[in-house]
PDB file of all heavy atoms in Angstrom:
ATOM      1  N   GLY A   1     -14.088   8.033  19.910  1.00  0.00           N
ATOM      2  CA  GLY A   1     -12.828   8.397  19.277  1.00  0.00           C
ATOM      3  C   GLY A   1     -11.979   9.274  20.182  1.00  0.00           C
ATOM      4  O   GLY A   1     -12.399   9.676  21.262  1.00  0.00           O
ATOM      5  N   GLY A   2     -10.760   9.547  19.722  1.00  0.00           N
ATOM      6  CA  GLY A   2      -9.877  10.400  20.498  1.00  0.00           C
ATOM      7  C   GLY A   2      -8.437  10.232  20.104  1.00  0.00           C
ATOM      8  O   GLY A   2      -8.118   9.646  19.059  1.00  0.00           O
ATOM      9  N   LEU A   3      -7.565  10.741  20.965  1.00  0.00           N
ATOM     10  CA  LEU A   3      -6.120  10.675  20.759  1.00  0.00           C
ATOM     11  C   LEU A   3      -5.534   9.597  21.662  1.00  0.00           C
ATOM     12  O   LEU A   3      -5.829   9.564  22.868  1.00  0.00           O
ATOM     13  CB  LEU A   3      -5.488  12.030  21.085  1.00  0.00           C
ATOM     14  CG  LEU A   3      -3.965  12.104  21.089  1.00  0.00           C
ATOM     15  CD1 LEU A   3      -3.406  11.829  19.698  1.00  0.00           C
ATOM     16  CD2 LEU A   3      -3.504  13.459  21.605  1.00  0.00           C
ATOM     17  N   VAL A   4      -4.707   8.745  21.095  1.00  0.00           N
ATOM     18  CA  VAL A   4      -4.098   7.672  21.871  1.00  0.00           C
ATOM     19  C   VAL A   4      -2.668   7.464  21.382  1.00  0.00           C
ATOM     20  O   VAL A   4      -2.355   7.719  20.208  1.00  0.00           O
ATOM     21  CB  VAL A   4      -4.927   6.369  21.743  1.00  0.00           C
ATOM     22  CG1 VAL A   4      -4.939   5.865  20.300  1.00  0.00           C
ATOM     23  CG2 VAL A   4      -4.451   5.307  22.703  1.00  0.00           C
ATOM     24  N   GLN A   5      -1.807   7.012  22.264  1.00  0.00           N
ATOM     25  CA  GLN A   5      -0.428   6.736  21.885  1.00  0.00           C
ATOM     26  C   GLN A   5      -0.323   5.393  21.170  1.00  0.00           C
ATOM     27  O   GLN A   5      -1.174   4.512  21.372  1.00  0.00           O
ATOM     28  CB  GLN A   5       0.461   6.733  23.122  1.00  0.00           C
ATOM     29  CG  GLN A   5       0.591   8.091  23.796  1.00  0.00           C
ATOM     30  CD  GLN A   5       1.585   8.072  24.930  1.00  0.00           C
ATOM     31  OE1 GLN A   5       1.959   7.011  25.433  1.00  0.00           O
ATOM     32  NE2 GLN A   5       2.028   9.250  25.334  1.00  0.00           N
ATOM     33  N   PRO A   6       0.699   5.214  20.352  1.00  0.00           N
ATOM     34  CA  PRO A   6       0.911   3.908  19.715  1.00  0.00           C
ATOM     35  C   PRO A   6       0.945   2.787  20.747  1.00  0.00           C
ATOM     36  O   PRO A   6       1.560   2.926  21.813  1.00  0.00           O
ATOM     37  CB  PRO A   6       2.262   4.069  19.013  1.00  0.00           C
ATOM     38  CG  PRO A   6       2.346   5.541  18.728  1.00  0.00           C
ATOM     39  CD  PRO A   6       1.697   6.214  19.901  1.00  0.00           C
ATOM     40  N   GLY A   7       0.264   1.693  20.411  1.00  0.00           N
ATOM     41  CA  GLY A   7       0.142   0.571  21.330  1.00  0.00           C
ATOM     42  C   GLY A   7      -1.059   0.658  22.251  1.00  0.00           C
ATOM     43  O   GLY A   7      -1.368  -0.308  22.963  1.00  0.00           O
ATOM     44  N   GLY A   8      -1.737   1.780  22.246  1.00  0.00           N
ATOM     45  CA  GLY A   8      -2.895   1.973  23.106  1.00  0.00           C
ATOM     46  C   GLY A   8      -4.170   1.390  22.538  1.00  0.00           C
ATOM     47  O   GLY A   8      -4.170   0.768  21.461  1.00  0.00           O
ATOM     48  N   SER A   9      -5.269   1.611  23.254  1.00  0.00           N
ATOM     49  CA  SER A   9      -6.566   1.042  22.882  1.00  0.00           C
ATOM     50  C   SER A   9      -7.650   2.106  22.930  1.00  0.00           C
ATOM     51  O   SER A   9      -7.558   3.075  23.694  1.00  0.00           O
ATOM     52  CB  SER A   9      -6.948  -0.086  23.844  1.00  0.00           C
ATOM     53  OG  SER A   9      -6.023  -1.154  23.805  1.00  0.00           O
ATOM     54  N   LEU A  10      -8.656   1.882  22.114  1.00  0.00           N
ATOM     55  CA  LEU A  10      -9.874   2.680  22.142  1.00  0.00           C
ATOM     56  C   LEU A  10     -11.049   1.769  21.841  1.00  0.00           C
ATOM     57  O   LEU A  10     -10.892   0.744  21.169  1.00  0.00           O
ATOM     58  CB  LEU A  10      -9.841   3.797  21.091  1.00  0.00           C
ATOM     59  CG  LEU A  10      -8.995   5.040  21.359  1.00  0.00           C
ATOM     60  CD1 LEU A  10      -8.985   5.931  20.116  1.00  0.00           C
ATOM     61  CD2 LEU A  10      -9.495   5.807  22.560  1.00  0.00           C
ATOM     62  N   ARG A  11     -12.224   2.168  22.309  1.00  0.00           N
ATOM     63  CA  ARG A  11     -13.449   1.442  22.009  1.00  0.00           C
ATOM     64  C   ARG A  11     -14.460   2.409  21.414  1.00  0.00           C
ATOM     65  O   ARG A  11     -14.852   3.374  22.074  1.00  0.00           O
ATOM     66  CB  ARG A  11     -14.014   0.796  23.268  1.00  0.00           C
ATOM     67  CG  ARG A  11     -15.184  -0.148  23.002  1.00  0.00           C
ATOM     68  CD  ARG A  11     -15.866  -0.525  24.292  1.00  0.00           C
ATOM     69  NE  ARG A  11     -16.749  -1.673  24.140  1.00  0.00           N
ATOM     70  CZ  ARG A  11     -17.810  -1.883  24.918  1.00  0.00           C
ATOM     71  NH1 ARG A  11     -18.104  -1.025  25.874  1.00  0.00           N
ATOM     72  NH2 ARG A  11     -18.555  -2.954  24.738  1.00  0.00           N
ATOM     73  N   LEU A  12     -14.864   2.135  20.192  1.00  0.00           N
ATOM     74  CA  LEU A  12     -15.878   2.935  19.523  1.00  0.00           C
ATOM     75  C   LEU A  12     -17.248   2.299  19.720  1.00  0.00           C
ATOM     76  O   LEU A  12     -17.370   1.067  19.772  1.00  0.00           O
ATOM     77  CB  LEU A  12     -15.584   3.051  18.030  1.00  0.00           C
ATOM     78  CG  LEU A  12     -14.206   3.574  17.622  1.00  0.00           C
ATOM     79  CD1 LEU A  12     -14.122   3.680  16.102  1.00  0.00           C
ATOM     80  CD2 LEU A  12     -13.899   4.887  18.271  1.00  0.00           C
ATOM     81  N   SER A  13     -18.259   3.154  19.823  1.00  0.00           N
ATOM     82  CA  SER A  13     -19.642   2.696  19.919  1.00  0.00           C
ATOM     83  C   SER A  13     -20.475   3.384  18.854  1.00  0.00           C
ATOM     84  O   SER A  13     -20.190   4.520  18.462  1.00  0.00           O
ATOM     85  CB  SER A  13     -20.227   3.026  21.289  1.00  0.00           C
ATOM     86  OG  SER A  13     -19.510   2.407  22.326  1.00  0.00           O
ATOM     87  N   CYS A  14     -21.508   2.705  18.412  1.00  0.00           N
ATOM     88  CA  CYS A  14     -22.417   3.270  17.424  1.00  0.00           C
ATOM     89  C   CYS A  14     -23.814   2.737  17.703  1.00  0.00           C
ATOM     90  O   CYS A  14     -24.019   1.514  17.713  1.00  0.00           O
ATOM     91  CB  CYS A  14     -21.978   2.893  16.018  1.00  0.00           C
ATOM     92  SG  CYS A  14     -23.153   3.333  14.715  1.00  0.00           S
ATOM     93  N   THR A  15     -24.753   3.646  17.912  1.00  0.00           N
ATOM     94  CA  THR A  15     -26.124   3.258  18.217  1.00  0.00           C
ATOM     95  C   THR A  15     -27.057   3.725  17.110  1.00  0.00           C
ATOM     96  O   THR A  15     -27.024   4.893  16.719  1.00  0.00           O
ATOM     97  CB  THR A  15     -26.574   3.850  19.550  1.00  0.00           C
ATOM     98  OG1 THR A  15     -25.734   3.324  20.588  1.00  0.00           O
ATOM     99  CG2 THR A  15     -28.015   3.483  19.858  1.00  0.00           C
ATOM    100  N   ALA A  16     -27.865   2.790  16.635  1.00  0.00           N
ATOM    101  CA  ALA A  16     -28.859   3.091  15.605  1.00  0.00           C
ATOM    102  C   ALA A  16     -30.200   3.395  16.242  1.00  0.00           C
ATOM    103  O   ALA A  16     -30.588   2.772  17.230  1.00  0.00           O
ATOM    104  CB  ALA A  16     -28.991   1.908  14.654  1.00  0.00           C
ATOM    105  N   SER A  17     -30.913   4.348  15.663  1.00  0.00           N
ATOM    106  CA  SER A  17     -32.243   4.684  16.158  1.00  0.00           C
ATOM    107  C   SER A  17     -33.193   4.858  14.981  1.00  0.00           C
ATOM    108  O   SER A  17     -32.778   5.047  13.843  1.00  0.00           O
ATOM    109  CB  SER A  17     -32.190   5.969  16.981  1.00  0.00           C
ATOM    110  OG  SER A  17     -31.784   7.059  16.179  1.00  0.00           O
ATOM    111  N   GLY A  18     -34.468   4.779  15.295  1.00  0.00           N
ATOM    112  CA  GLY A  18     -35.462   4.950  14.249  1.00  0.00           C
ATOM    113  C   GLY A  18     -35.595   3.715  13.382  1.00  0.00           C
ATOM    114  O   GLY A  18     -35.280   2.602  13.778  1.00  0.00           O
ATOM    115  N   ARG A  19     -36.047   3.935  12.167  1.00  0.00           N
ATOM    116  CA  ARG A  19     -36.351   2.819  11.262  1.00  0.00           C
ATOM    117  C   ARG A  19     -35.137   1.984  10.924  1.00  0.00           C
ATOM    118  O   ARG A  19     -35.263   0.799  10.604  1.00  0.00           O
ATOM    119  CB  ARG A  19     -36.959   3.353   9.974  1.00  0.00           C
ATOM    120  CG  ARG A  19     -38.322   4.006  10.159  1.00  0.00           C
ATOM    121  CD  ARG A  19     -38.883   4.464   8.828  1.00  0.00           C
ATOM    122  NE  ARG A  19     -40.185   5.106   8.968  1.00  0.00           N
ATOM    123  CZ  ARG A  19     -40.892   5.598   7.965  1.00  0.00           C
ATOM    124  NH1 ARG A  19     -40.412   5.520   6.726  1.00  0.00           N
ATOM    125  NH2 ARG A  19     -42.050   6.151   8.176  1.00  0.00           N
ATOM    126  N   ILE A  20     -33.954   2.570  10.950  1.00  0.00           N
ATOM    127  CA  ILE A  20     -32.764   1.822  10.542  1.00  0.00           C
ATOM    128  C   ILE A  20     -32.224   0.931  11.643  1.00  0.00           C
ATOM    129  O   ILE A  20     -31.283   0.162  11.399  1.00  0.00           O
ATOM    130  CB  ILE A  20     -31.639   2.769  10.069  1.00  0.00           C
ATOM    131  CG1 ILE A  20     -31.153   3.670  11.216  1.00  0.00           C
ATOM    132  CG2 ILE A  20     -32.108   3.593   8.887  1.00  0.00           C
ATOM    133  CD1 ILE A  20     -29.922   4.484  10.850  1.00  0.00           C
ATOM    134  N   SER A  21     -32.771   1.001  12.829  1.00  0.00           N
ATOM    135  CA  SER A  21     -32.295   0.136  13.899  1.00  0.00           C
ATOM    136  C   SER A  21     -32.950  -1.227  13.759  1.00  0.00           C
ATOM    137  O   SER A  21     -34.037  -1.347  13.189  1.00  0.00           O
ATOM    138  CB  SER A  21     -32.617   0.737  15.260  1.00  0.00           C
ATOM    139  OG  SER A  21     -34.008   0.801  15.469  1.00  0.00           O
ATOM    140  N   GLY A  22     -32.285  -2.239  14.298  1.00  0.00           N
ATOM    141  CA  GLY A  22     -32.859  -3.570  14.240  1.00  0.00           C
ATOM    142  C   GLY A  22     -31.891  -4.589  13.710  1.00  0.00           C
ATOM    143  O   GLY A  22     -30.680  -4.443  13.845  1.00  0.00           O
ATOM    144  N   VAL A  23     -32.418  -5.604  13.073  1.00  0.00           N
ATOM    145  CA  VAL A  23     -31.618  -6.760  12.695  1.00  0.00           C
ATOM    146  C   VAL A  23     -30.993  -6.518  11.320  1.00  0.00           C
ATOM    147  O   VAL A  23     -31.476  -7.014  10.306  1.00  0.00           O
ATOM    148  CB  VAL A  23     -32.474  -8.040  12.704  1.00  0.00           C
ATOM    149  CG1 VAL A  23     -31.590  -9.256  12.451  1.00  0.00           C
ATOM    150  CG2 VAL A  23     -33.200  -8.168  14.032  1.00  0.00           C
ATOM    151  N   ASN A  24     -29.933  -5.745  11.303  1.00  0.00           N
ATOM    152  CA  ASN A  24     -29.234  -5.420  10.061  1.00  0.00           C
ATOM    153  C   ASN A  24     -27.748  -5.697  10.238  1.00  0.00           C
ATOM    154  O   ASN A  24     -27.238  -5.711  11.354  1.00  0.00           O
ATOM    155  CB  ASN A  24     -29.398  -3.937   9.723  1.00  0.00           C
ATOM    156  CG  ASN A  24     -30.844  -3.510   9.632  1.00  0.00           C
ATOM    157  OD1 ASN A  24     -31.675  -4.210   9.072  1.00  0.00           O
ATOM    158  ND2 ASN A  24     -31.147  -2.347  10.177  1.00  0.00           N
ATOM    159  N   THR A  25     -27.074  -5.865   9.144  1.00  0.00           N
ATOM    160  CA  THR A  25     -25.619  -5.879   9.191  1.00  0.00           C
ATOM    161  C   THR A  25     -25.131  -4.493   9.593  1.00  0.00           C
ATOM    162  O   THR A  25     -25.631  -3.473   9.111  1.00  0.00           O
ATOM    163  CB  THR A  25     -25.044  -6.252   7.820  1.00  0.00           C
ATOM    164  OG1 THR A  25     -25.405  -7.609   7.522  1.00  0.00           O
ATOM    165  CG2 THR A  25     -23.531  -6.118   7.799  1.00  0.00           C
ATOM    166  N   MET A  26     -24.178  -4.447  10.492  1.00  0.00           N
ATOM    167  CA  MET A  26     -23.573  -3.188  10.921  1.00  0.00           C
ATOM    168  C   MET A  26     -22.058  -3.339  10.899  1.00  0.00           C
ATOM    169  O   MET A  26     -21.525  -4.458  10.882  1.00  0.00           O
ATOM    170  CB  MET A  26     -24.036  -2.798  12.331  1.00  0.00           C
ATOM    171  CG  MET A  26     -25.531  -2.527  12.432  1.00  0.00           C
ATOM    172  SD  MET A  26     -26.036  -1.970  14.079  1.00  0.00           S
ATOM    173  CE  MET A  26     -25.350  -0.295  14.101  1.00  0.00           C
ATOM    174  N   GLY A  27     -21.383  -2.212  10.914  1.00  0.00           N
ATOM    175  CA  GLY A  27     -19.927  -2.282  10.916  1.00  0.00           C
ATOM    176  C   GLY A  27     -19.279  -0.925  10.846  1.00  0.00           C
ATOM    177  O   GLY A  27     -19.920   0.099  11.100  1.00  0.00           O
ATOM    178  N   TRP A  28     -18.000  -0.946  10.464  1.00  0.00           N
ATOM    179  CA  TRP A  28     -17.181   0.257  10.451  1.00  0.00           C
ATOM    180  C   TRP A  28     -16.329   0.321   9.186  1.00  0.00           C
ATOM    181  O   TRP A  28     -15.788  -0.691   8.732  1.00  0.00           O
ATOM    182  CB  TRP A  28     -16.245   0.258  11.675  1.00  0.00           C
ATOM    183  CG  TRP A  28     -16.969   0.260  12.971  1.00  0.00           C
ATOM    184  CD1 TRP A  28     -17.420  -0.830  13.665  1.00  0.00           C
ATOM    185  CD2 TRP A  28     -17.347   1.402  13.738  1.00  0.00           C
ATOM    186  NE1 TRP A  28     -18.052  -0.426  14.813  1.00  0.00           N
ATOM    187  CE2 TRP A  28     -18.020   0.938  14.892  1.00  0.00           C
ATOM    188  CE3 TRP A  28     -17.167   2.776  13.580  1.00  0.00           C
ATOM    189  CZ2 TRP A  28     -18.518   1.796  15.871  1.00  0.00           C
ATOM    190  CZ3 TRP A  28     -17.663   3.631  14.549  1.00  0.00           C
ATOM    191  CH2 TRP A  28     -18.330   3.137  15.678  1.00  0.00           C
ATOM    192  N   HIS A  29     -16.231   1.521   8.664  1.00  0.00           N
ATOM    193  CA  HIS A  29     -15.240   1.875   7.665  1.00  0.00           C
ATOM    194  C   HIS A  29     -14.382   2.985   8.256  1.00  0.00           C
ATOM    195  O   HIS A  29     -14.710   3.543   9.300  1.00  0.00           O
ATOM    196  CB  HIS A  29     -15.902   2.393   6.385  1.00  0.00           C
ATOM    197  CG  HIS A  29     -16.473   1.340   5.516  1.00  0.00           C
ATOM    198  ND1 HIS A  29     -17.435   0.449   5.919  1.00  0.00           N
ATOM    199  CD2 HIS A  29     -16.215   1.011   4.225  1.00  0.00           C
ATOM    200  CE1 HIS A  29     -17.758  -0.364   4.920  1.00  0.00           C
ATOM    201  NE2 HIS A  29     -17.023  -0.052   3.890  1.00  0.00           N
ATOM    202  N   ARG A  30     -13.309   3.317   7.582  1.00  0.00           N
ATOM    203  CA  ARG A  30     -12.493   4.458   8.000  1.00  0.00           C
ATOM    204  C   ARG A  30     -11.925   5.171   6.793  1.00  0.00           C
ATOM    205  O   ARG A  30     -11.791   4.586   5.711  1.00  0.00           O
ATOM    206  CB  ARG A  30     -11.357   4.016   8.932  1.00  0.00           C
ATOM    207  CG  ARG A  30     -10.292   3.156   8.270  1.00  0.00           C
ATOM    208  CD  ARG A  30      -9.297   2.642   9.308  1.00  0.00           C
ATOM    209  NE  ARG A  30      -8.258   1.823   8.701  1.00  0.00           N
ATOM    210  CZ  ARG A  30      -7.337   1.166   9.385  1.00  0.00           C
ATOM    211  NH1 ARG A  30      -7.318   1.220  10.726  1.00  0.00           N
ATOM    212  NH2 ARG A  30      -6.415   0.452   8.755  1.00  0.00           N
ATOM    213  N   GLN A  31     -11.601   6.440   7.000  1.00  0.00           N
ATOM    214  CA  GLN A  31     -11.019   7.234   5.923  1.00  0.00           C
ATOM    215  C   GLN A  31      -9.918   8.113   6.489  1.00  0.00           C
ATOM    216  O   GLN A  31     -10.169   8.981   7.327  1.00  0.00           O
ATOM    217  CB  GLN A  31     -12.078   8.094   5.240  1.00  0.00           C
ATOM    218  CG  GLN A  31     -11.577   8.811   4.009  1.00  0.00           C
ATOM    219  CD  GLN A  31     -12.701   9.389   3.175  1.00  0.00           C
ATOM    220  OE1 GLN A  31     -13.841   9.529   3.625  1.00  0.00           O
ATOM    221  NE2 GLN A  31     -12.403   9.728   1.930  1.00  0.00           N
ATOM    222  N   ALA A  32      -8.705   7.865   6.026  1.00  0.00           N
ATOM    223  CA  ALA A  32      -7.555   8.679   6.402  1.00  0.00           C
ATOM    224  C   ALA A  32      -7.413   9.830   5.412  1.00  0.00           C
ATOM    225  O   ALA A  32      -7.918   9.751   4.285  1.00  0.00           O
ATOM    226  CB  ALA A  32      -6.293   7.821   6.409  1.00  0.00           C
ATOM    227  N   PRO A  33      -6.723  10.907   5.803  1.00  0.00           N
ATOM    228  CA  PRO A  33      -6.530  12.033   4.889  1.00  0.00           C
ATOM    229  C   PRO A  33      -5.932  11.596   3.561  1.00  0.00           C
ATOM    230  O   PRO A  33      -4.997  10.788   3.533  1.00  0.00           O
ATOM    231  CB  PRO A  33      -5.573  12.944   5.657  1.00  0.00           C
ATOM    232  CG  PRO A  33      -5.819  12.617   7.088  1.00  0.00           C
ATOM    233  CD  PRO A  33      -6.122  11.151   7.126  1.00  0.00           C
ATOM    234  N   ASP A  34      -6.501  12.060   2.483  1.00  0.00           N
ATOM    235  CA  ASP A  34      -6.033  11.788   1.124  1.00  0.00           C
ATOM    236  C   ASP A  34      -6.217  10.335   0.706  1.00  0.00           C
ATOM    237  O   ASP A  34      -5.651   9.900  -0.305  1.00  0.00           O
ATOM    238  CB  ASP A  34      -4.569  12.187   0.942  1.00  0.00           C
ATOM    239  CG  ASP A  34      -4.334  13.669   1.201  1.00  0.00           C
ATOM    240  OD1 ASP A  34      -5.217  14.471   0.844  1.00  0.00           O
ATOM    241  OD2 ASP A  34      -3.298  14.015   1.782  1.00  0.00           O
ATOM    242  N   ASN A  35      -6.970   9.568   1.475  1.00  0.00           N
ATOM    243  CA  ASN A  35      -7.241   8.166   1.125  1.00  0.00           C
ATOM    244  C   ASN A  35      -8.734   7.964   0.909  1.00  0.00           C
ATOM    245  O   ASN A  35      -9.563   8.750   1.385  1.00  0.00           O
ATOM    246  CB  ASN A  35      -6.780   7.220   2.237  1.00  0.00           C
ATOM    247  CG  ASN A  35      -5.280   7.064   2.275  1.00  0.00           C
ATOM    248  OD1 ASN A  35      -4.558   7.659   1.471  1.00  0.00           O
ATOM    249  ND2 ASN A  35      -4.797   6.256   3.196  1.00  0.00           N
ATOM    250  N   GLU A  36      -9.072   6.898   0.215  1.00  0.00           N
ATOM    251  CA  GLU A  36     -10.472   6.541   0.054  1.00  0.00           C
ATOM    252  C   GLU A  36     -10.975   5.845   1.326  1.00  0.00           C
ATOM    253  O   GLU A  36     -10.195   5.291   2.099  1.00  0.00           O
ATOM    254  CB  GLU A  36     -10.634   5.612  -1.154  1.00  0.00           C
ATOM    255  CG  GLU A  36     -10.313   6.278  -2.483  1.00  0.00           C
ATOM    256  CD  GLU A  36     -10.631   5.388  -3.660  1.00  0.00           C
ATOM    257  OE1 GLU A  36     -10.979   4.220  -3.463  1.00  0.00           O
ATOM    258  OE2 GLU A  36     -10.522   5.877  -4.799  1.00  0.00           O
ATOM    259  N   ARG A  37     -12.277   5.861   1.487  1.00  0.00           N
ATOM    260  CA  ARG A  37     -12.878   5.163   2.624  1.00  0.00           C
ATOM    261  C   ARG A  37     -12.670   3.665   2.435  1.00  0.00           C
ATOM    262  O   ARG A  37     -12.864   3.133   1.332  1.00  0.00           O
ATOM    263  CB  ARG A  37     -14.364   5.492   2.723  1.00  0.00           C
ATOM    264  CG  ARG A  37     -15.012   5.034   4.014  1.00  0.00           C
ATOM    265  CD  ARG A  37     -16.444   5.541   4.127  1.00  0.00           C
ATOM    266  NE  ARG A  37     -16.514   6.988   4.197  1.00  0.00           N
ATOM    267  CZ  ARG A  37     -17.633   7.670   4.499  1.00  0.00           C
ATOM    268  NH1 ARG A  37     -18.747   6.994   4.755  1.00  0.00           N
ATOM    269  NH2 ARG A  37     -17.625   8.980   4.529  1.00  0.00           N
ATOM    270  N   GLU A  38     -12.289   2.969   3.516  1.00  0.00           N
ATOM    271  CA  GLU A  38     -12.023   1.543   3.419  1.00  0.00           C
ATOM    272  C   GLU A  38     -12.760   0.786   4.515  1.00  0.00           C
ATOM    273  O   GLU A  38     -12.988   1.300   5.613  1.00  0.00           O
ATOM    274  CB  GLU A  38     -10.518   1.260   3.546  1.00  0.00           C
ATOM    275  CG  GLU A  38      -9.903   1.654   4.869  1.00  0.00           C
ATOM    276  CD  GLU A  38      -8.422   1.277   4.973  1.00  0.00           C
ATOM    277  OE1 GLU A  38      -7.853   0.763   4.002  1.00  0.00           O
ATOM    278  OE2 GLU A  38      -7.850   1.499   6.057  1.00  0.00           O
ATOM    279  N   PHE A  39     -13.096  -0.449   4.186  1.00  0.00           N
ATOM    280  CA  PHE A  39     -13.776  -1.329   5.131  1.00  0.00           C
ATOM    281  C   PHE A  39     -12.830  -1.697   6.271  1.00  0.00           C
ATOM    282  O   PHE A  39     -11.651  -1.974   6.063  1.00  0.00           O
ATOM    283  CB  PHE A  39     -14.230  -2.595   4.401  1.00  0.00           C
ATOM    284  CG  PHE A  39     -14.778  -3.660   5.297  1.00  0.00           C
ATOM    285  CD1 PHE A  39     -16.073  -3.585   5.781  1.00  0.00           C
ATOM    286  CD2 PHE A  39     -13.990  -4.745   5.657  1.00  0.00           C
ATOM    287  CE1 PHE A  39     -16.576  -4.572   6.610  1.00  0.00           C
ATOM    288  CE2 PHE A  39     -14.487  -5.737   6.480  1.00  0.00           C
ATOM    289  CZ  PHE A  39     -15.773  -5.650   6.962  1.00  0.00           C
TER     290      PHE A  39
END
């Protein structure tokens, strides 16, 4: 994550470890201020 100007790009990474790692569905949600978390 970080700060970027409009039109820019970022790449997020997420690594699982322990029992929860492996062949599972993975993904991302986000939550903006005063909003609910969304897929």
